[in-house]
C-alpha atoms as a PDB file:
ATOM      1  CA  UNK A   1     133.644  -8.745 161.911  1.00  0.00           C
ATOM      2  CA  UNK A   2     132.574  -7.945 158.319  1.00  0.00           C
ATOM      3  CA  UNK A   3     135.470 -10.048 156.978  1.00  0.00           C
ATOM      4  CA  UNK A   4     134.498 -13.013 159.138  1.00  0.00           C
ATOM      5  CA  UNK A   5     130.905 -12.906 157.795  1.00  0.00           C
ATOM      6  CA  UNK A   6     132.037 -12.612 154.172  1.00  0.00           C
ATOM      7  CA  UNK A   7     134.556 -15.550 154.601  1.00  0.00           C
ATOM      8  CA  UNK A   8     131.855 -17.661 156.315  1.00  0.00           C
ATOM      9  CA  UNK A   9     129.329 -17.015 153.551  1.00  0.00           C
ATOM     10  CA  UNK A  10     131.931 -17.750 150.789  1.00  0.00           C
ATOM     11  CA  UNK A  11     132.979 -21.022 152.514  1.00  0.00           C
ATOM     12  CA  UNK A  12     129.308 -22.039 153.013  1.00  0.00           C
ATOM     13  CA  UNK A  13     128.422 -21.332 149.361  1.00  0.00           C
ATOM     14  CA  UNK A  14     131.518 -23.244 148.292  1.00  0.00           C
ATOM     15  CA  UNK A  15     130.679 -26.292 150.466  1.00  0.00           C
ATOM     16  CA  UNK A  16     127.058 -26.263 149.232  1.00  0.00           C
ATOM     17  CA  UNK A  17     128.373 -26.105 145.720  1.00  0.00           C
ATOM     18  CA  UNK A  18     130.687 -29.061 146.239  1.00  0.00           C
ATOM     19  CA  UNK A  19     128.238 -31.370 147.987  1.00  0.00           C
ATOM     20  CA  UNK A  20     124.865 -30.091 146.757  1.00  0.00           C
ATOM     21  CA  UNK A  21     125.382 -30.182 142.982  1.00  0.00           C
ATOM     22  CA  UNK A  22     125.068 -33.555 141.448  1.00  0.00           C
ATOM     23  CA  UNK A  23     124.434 -34.360 137.815  1.00  0.00           C
ATOM     24  CA  UNK A  24     120.793 -35.029 137.047  1.00  0.00           C
ATOM     25  CA  UNK A  25     119.835 -38.704 136.850  1.00  0.00           C
ATOM     26  CA  UNK A  26     117.060 -40.114 134.765  1.00  0.00           C
ATOM     27  CA  UNK A  27     114.435 -41.936 136.703  1.00  0.00           C
ATOM     28  CA  UNK A  28     113.853 -44.718 134.141  1.00  0.00           C
ATOM     29  CA  UNK A  29     113.756 -48.110 135.803  1.00  0.00           C
ATOM     30  CA  UNK A  30     116.556 -50.283 134.501  1.00  0.00           C
ATOM     31  CA  UNK A  31     114.208 -53.303 134.242  1.00  0.00           C
ATOM     32  CA  UNK A  32     111.984 -51.460 131.743  1.00  0.00           C
ATOM     33  CA  UNK A  33     114.671 -50.077 129.458  1.00  0.00           C
ATOM     34  CA  UNK A  34     116.596 -53.017 127.891  1.00  0.00           C
ATOM     35  CA  UNK A  35     119.999 -53.118 126.262  1.00  0.00           C
ATOM     36  CA  UNK A  36     120.188 -52.997 122.436  1.00  0.00           C
ATOM     37  CA  UNK A  37     120.782 -56.651 121.484  1.00  0.00           C
ATOM     38  CA  UNK A  38     118.497 -58.619 123.817  1.00  0.00           C
ATOM     39  CA  UNK A  39     115.807 -59.952 121.568  1.00  0.00           C
ATOM     40  CA  UNK A  40     112.346 -60.453 123.059  1.00  0.00           C
ATOM     41  CA  UNK A  41     108.678 -60.671 122.363  1.00  0.00           C
ATOM     42  CA  UNK A  42     107.110 -57.254 123.196  1.00  0.00           C
ATOM     43  CA  UNK A  43     104.190 -57.121 125.659  1.00  0.00           C
ATOM     44  CA  UNK A  44     102.318 -55.082 123.019  1.00  0.00           C
ATOM     45  CA  UNK A  45     103.068 -57.596 120.204  1.00  0.00           C
ATOM     46  CA  UNK A  46      99.940 -59.306 118.765  1.00  0.00           C
ATOM     47  CA  UNK A  47     101.815 -62.609 118.311  1.00  0.00           C
ATOM     48  CA  UNK A  48     105.400 -63.728 118.653  1.00  0.00           C
ATOM     49  CA  UNK A  49     105.214 -67.208 117.042  1.00  0.00           C
ATOM     50  CA  UNK A  50     103.294 -67.912 113.860  1.00  0.00           C
ATOM     51  CA  UNK A  51     102.765 -71.580 113.064  1.00  0.00           C
ATOM     52  CA  UNK A  52     102.331 -72.374 109.338  1.00  0.00           C
ATOM     53  CA  UNK A  53     102.560 -75.392 107.023  1.00  0.00           C
ATOM     54  CA  UNK A  54     106.097 -74.335 106.099  1.00  0.00           C
ATOM     55  CA  UNK A  55     107.300 -74.158 109.717  1.00  0.00           C
ATOM     56  CA  UNK A  56     107.130 -71.958 112.781  1.00  0.00           C
ATOM     57  CA  UNK A  57     108.157 -68.268 112.393  1.00  0.00           C
ATOM     58  CA  UNK A  58     109.215 -66.222 115.418  1.00  0.00           C
ATOM     59  CA  UNK A  59     109.481 -62.396 115.313  1.00  0.00           C
ATOM     60  CA  UNK A  60     111.400 -60.691 118.113  1.00  0.00           C
ATOM     61  CA  UNK A  61     112.567 -57.169 118.766  1.00  0.00           C
ATOM     62  CA  UNK A  62     115.614 -55.475 120.313  1.00  0.00           C
ATOM     63  CA  UNK A  63     116.471 -51.900 121.040  1.00  0.00           C
ATOM     64  CA  UNK A  64     115.131 -49.320 123.469  1.00  0.00           C
ATOM     65  CA  UNK A  65     111.906 -50.739 124.946  1.00  0.00           C
ATOM     66  CA  UNK A  66     109.741 -49.019 127.505  1.00  0.00           C
ATOM     67  CA  UNK A  67     106.791 -50.766 129.082  1.00  0.00           C
ATOM     68  CA  UNK A  68     106.662 -53.390 126.256  1.00  0.00           C
ATOM     69  CA  UNK A  69     106.745 -50.783 123.471  1.00  0.00           C
ATOM     70  CA  UNK A  70     109.427 -49.785 120.960  1.00  0.00           C
ATOM     71  CA  UNK A  71     110.699 -46.215 121.454  1.00  0.00           C
ATOM     72  CA  UNK A  72     110.299 -43.912 118.482  1.00  0.00           C
ATOM     73  CA  UNK A  73     113.173 -42.045 116.901  1.00  0.00           C
ATOM     74  CA  UNK A  74     115.597 -44.728 118.206  1.00  0.00           C
ATOM     75  CA  UNK A  75     116.934 -47.562 115.979  1.00  0.00           C
ATOM     76  CA  UNK A  76     115.820 -51.100 116.733  1.00  0.00           C
ATOM     77  CA  UNK A  77     116.407 -54.517 115.289  1.00  0.00           C
ATOM     78  CA  UNK A  78     113.855 -57.126 114.245  1.00  0.00           C
ATOM     79  CA  UNK A  79     114.782 -60.785 114.282  1.00  0.00           C
ATOM     80  CA  UNK A  80     112.856 -63.298 112.072  1.00  0.00           C
ATOM     81  CA  UNK A  81     113.542 -66.914 112.831  1.00  0.00           C
ATOM     82  CA  UNK A  82     112.069 -70.055 111.100  1.00  0.00           C
ATOM     83  CA  UNK A  83     112.008 -73.468 112.684  1.00  0.00           C
ATOM     84  CA  UNK A  84     110.985 -76.362 110.530  1.00  0.00           C
ATOM     85  CA  UNK A  85     110.665 -80.097 110.935  1.00  0.00           C
ATOM     86  CA  UNK A  86     112.180 -80.369 107.460  1.00  0.00           C
ATOM     87  CA  UNK A  87     115.873 -79.412 107.906  1.00  0.00           C
ATOM     88  CA  UNK A  88     116.163 -78.648 104.220  1.00  0.00           C
ATOM     89  CA  UNK A  89     113.587 -75.795 104.338  1.00  0.00           C
ATOM     90  CA  UNK A  90     115.398 -72.421 103.996  1.00  0.00           C
ATOM     91  CA  UNK A  91     114.237 -68.872 103.930  1.00  0.00           C
ATOM     92  CA  UNK A  92     115.346 -67.532 100.527  1.00  0.00           C
ATOM     93  CA  UNK A  93     113.613 -64.148 100.349  1.00  0.00           C
ATOM     94  CA  UNK A  94     111.700 -61.743 102.642  1.00  0.00           C
ATOM     95  CA  UNK A  95     109.713 -58.756 101.513  1.00  0.00           C
ATOM     96  CA  UNK A  96     108.555 -56.646 104.406  1.00  0.00           C
ATOM     97  CA  UNK A  97     107.288 -53.222 105.455  1.00  0.00           C
ATOM     98  CA  UNK A  98     105.916 -51.372 108.473  1.00  0.00           C
ATOM     99  CA  UNK A  99     102.680 -49.554 108.240  1.00  0.00           C
ATOM    100  CA  UNK A 100     100.872 -47.430 110.831  1.00  0.00           C
ATOM    101  CA  UNK A 101      97.686 -48.991 112.061  1.00  0.00           C
ATOM    102  CA  UNK A 102      96.500 -46.239 114.439  1.00  0.00           C
ATOM    103  CA  UNK A 103      97.351 -43.587 111.901  1.00  0.00           C
ATOM    104  CA  UNK A 104      98.569 -44.011 108.339  1.00  0.00           C
ATOM    105  CA  UNK A 105     102.134 -42.760 108.013  1.00  0.00           C
ATOM    106  CA  UNK A 106     103.122 -44.388 104.761  1.00  0.00           C
ATOM    107  CA  UNK A 107     104.963 -47.695 104.291  1.00  0.00           C
ATOM    108  CA  UNK A 108     108.375 -48.023 105.848  1.00  0.00           C
ATOM    109  CA  UNK A 109     110.390 -50.725 103.982  1.00  0.00           C
ATOM    110  CA  UNK A 110     112.161 -53.277 106.099  1.00  0.00           C
ATOM    111  CA  UNK A 111     115.171 -55.070 104.638  1.00  0.00           C
ATOM    112  CA  UNK A 112     116.123 -58.405 106.232  1.00  0.00           C
ATOM    113  CA  UNK A 113     119.600 -59.696 105.941  1.00  0.00           C
ATOM    114  CA  UNK A 114     120.770 -63.269 106.437  1.00  0.00           C
ATOM    115  CA  UNK A 115     122.986 -64.288 109.406  1.00  0.00           C
ATOM    116  CA  UNK A 116     125.299 -67.232 109.776  1.00  0.00           C
ATOM    117  CA  UNK A 117     122.181 -69.340 110.253  1.00  0.00           C
ATOM    118  CA  UNK A 118     120.177 -69.206 107.025  1.00  0.00           C
ATOM    119  CA  UNK A 119     116.874 -69.344 108.977  1.00  0.00           C
ATOM    120  CA  UNK A 120     117.575 -66.371 111.169  1.00  0.00           C
ATOM    121  CA  UNK A 121     117.409 -62.921 109.561  1.00  0.00           C
ATOM    122  CA  UNK A 122     117.847 -59.440 110.996  1.00  0.00           C
ATOM    123  CA  UNK A 123     116.550 -56.035 109.966  1.00  0.00           C
ATOM    124  CA  UNK A 124     117.372 -52.569 111.323  1.00  0.00           C
ATOM    125  CA  UNK A 125     114.473 -50.135 111.563  1.00  0.00           C
ATOM    126  CA  UNK A 126     113.551 -46.679 112.825  1.00  0.00           C
ATOM    127  CA  UNK A 127     110.126 -45.230 113.282  1.00  0.00           C
ATOM    128  CA  UNK A 128     109.178 -41.565 113.416  1.00  0.00           C
ATOM    129  CA  UNK A 129     107.466 -39.863 116.291  1.00  0.00           C
ATOM    130  CA  UNK A 130     103.726 -39.596 115.921  1.00  0.00           C
ATOM    131  CA  UNK A 131     101.192 -37.085 117.206  1.00  0.00           C
ATOM    132  CA  UNK A 132      99.772 -39.888 119.330  1.00  0.00           C
ATOM    133  CA  UNK A 133     101.991 -40.814 122.346  1.00  0.00           C
ATOM    134  CA  UNK A 134     101.334 -44.520 121.754  1.00  0.00           C
ATOM    135  CA  UNK A 135     100.825 -45.841 118.240  1.00  0.00           C
ATOM    136  CA  UNK A 136     100.123 -49.333 116.879  1.00  0.00           C
ATOM    137  CA  UNK A 137     102.197 -50.414 113.877  1.00  0.00           C
ATOM    138  CA  UNK A 138     101.821 -53.504 111.626  1.00  0.00           C
ATOM    139  CA  UNK A 139     104.820 -55.448 110.361  1.00  0.00           C
ATOM    140  CA  UNK A 140     103.851 -57.184 107.112  1.00  0.00           C
ATOM    141  CA  UNK A 141     106.021 -60.058 105.960  1.00  0.00           C
ATOM    142  CA  UNK A 142     106.029 -62.074 102.758  1.00  0.00           C
ATOM    143  CA  UNK A 143     108.506 -64.968 103.035  1.00  0.00           C
ATOM    144  CA  UNK A 144     109.824 -67.337 100.347  1.00  0.00           C
ATOM    145  CA  UNK A 145     110.942 -70.697 101.636  1.00  0.00           C
ATOM    146  CA  UNK A 146     112.871 -73.175  99.479  1.00  0.00           C
ATOM    147  CA  UNK A 147     112.083 -76.835 100.169  1.00  0.00           C
ATOM    148  CA  UNK A 148     113.717 -79.824  98.599  1.00  0.00           C
ATOM    149  CA  UNK A 149     112.295 -79.211  95.111  1.00  0.00           C
ATOM    150  CA  UNK A 150     110.181 -76.045  95.107  1.00  0.00           C
ATOM    151  CA  UNK A 151     109.789 -72.544  96.483  1.00  0.00           C
ATOM    152  CA  UNK A 152     106.747 -71.714  98.519  1.00  0.00           C
ATOM    153  CA  UNK A 153     105.418 -68.355  99.891  1.00  0.00           C
ATOM    154  CA  UNK A 154     104.015 -67.486 103.293  1.00  0.00           C
ATOM    155  CA  UNK A 155     102.500 -64.128 104.321  1.00  0.00           C
ATOM    156  CA  UNK A 156     101.558 -62.884 107.757  1.00  0.00           C
ATOM    157  CA  UNK A 157     101.641 -59.789 109.895  1.00  0.00           C
ATOM    158  CA  UNK A 158     102.079 -58.797 113.533  1.00  0.00           C
ATOM    159  CA  UNK A 159     100.997 -55.656 115.367  1.00  0.00           C
ATOM    160  CA  UNK A 160     103.070 -53.867 118.014  1.00  0.00           C
ATOM    161  CA  UNK A 161     103.100 -50.521 119.799  1.00  0.00           C
ATOM    162  CA  UNK A 162     105.504 -47.667 119.849  1.00  0.00           C
ATOM    163  CA  UNK A 163     105.801 -44.911 122.417  1.00  0.00           C
ATOM    164  CA  UNK A 164     107.234 -41.490 121.800  1.00  0.00           C
ATOM    165  CA  UNK A 165     110.771 -41.039 123.156  1.00  0.00           C
END
């Protein structure tokens, strides 16, 4: 009788172990966490398209987004695109940095690199975790555009939020 009880308990524990143990699954909704290279305008972004005399500039983000905010401590990419009625207008230089608006955390330089299309540039960035769960950052851009016979400058900024990972 004792052997039967021990064998029954061992078999029951073994069956519970086989069927009851599953790896933990994160509950993040797939629609709120986007894949790395899908560029979009963030819900928290102050503006996505900036219209100027030199053309229209669009700033988009990719990386780990959650509820329209960039996730801290995870790399993300910034896309800068210029559309101009003058086909000869080209972005020749971009000086840029990120600066905390909610809380000053220094200036984080952002280095844009050209793509196959001269008027689409990309930059990789990473922001540190802040003591605030949600923080507003400001991306400051100074852009040089070469036209037919001269170089002109355009400056603007956009705000966006991050959320701690």
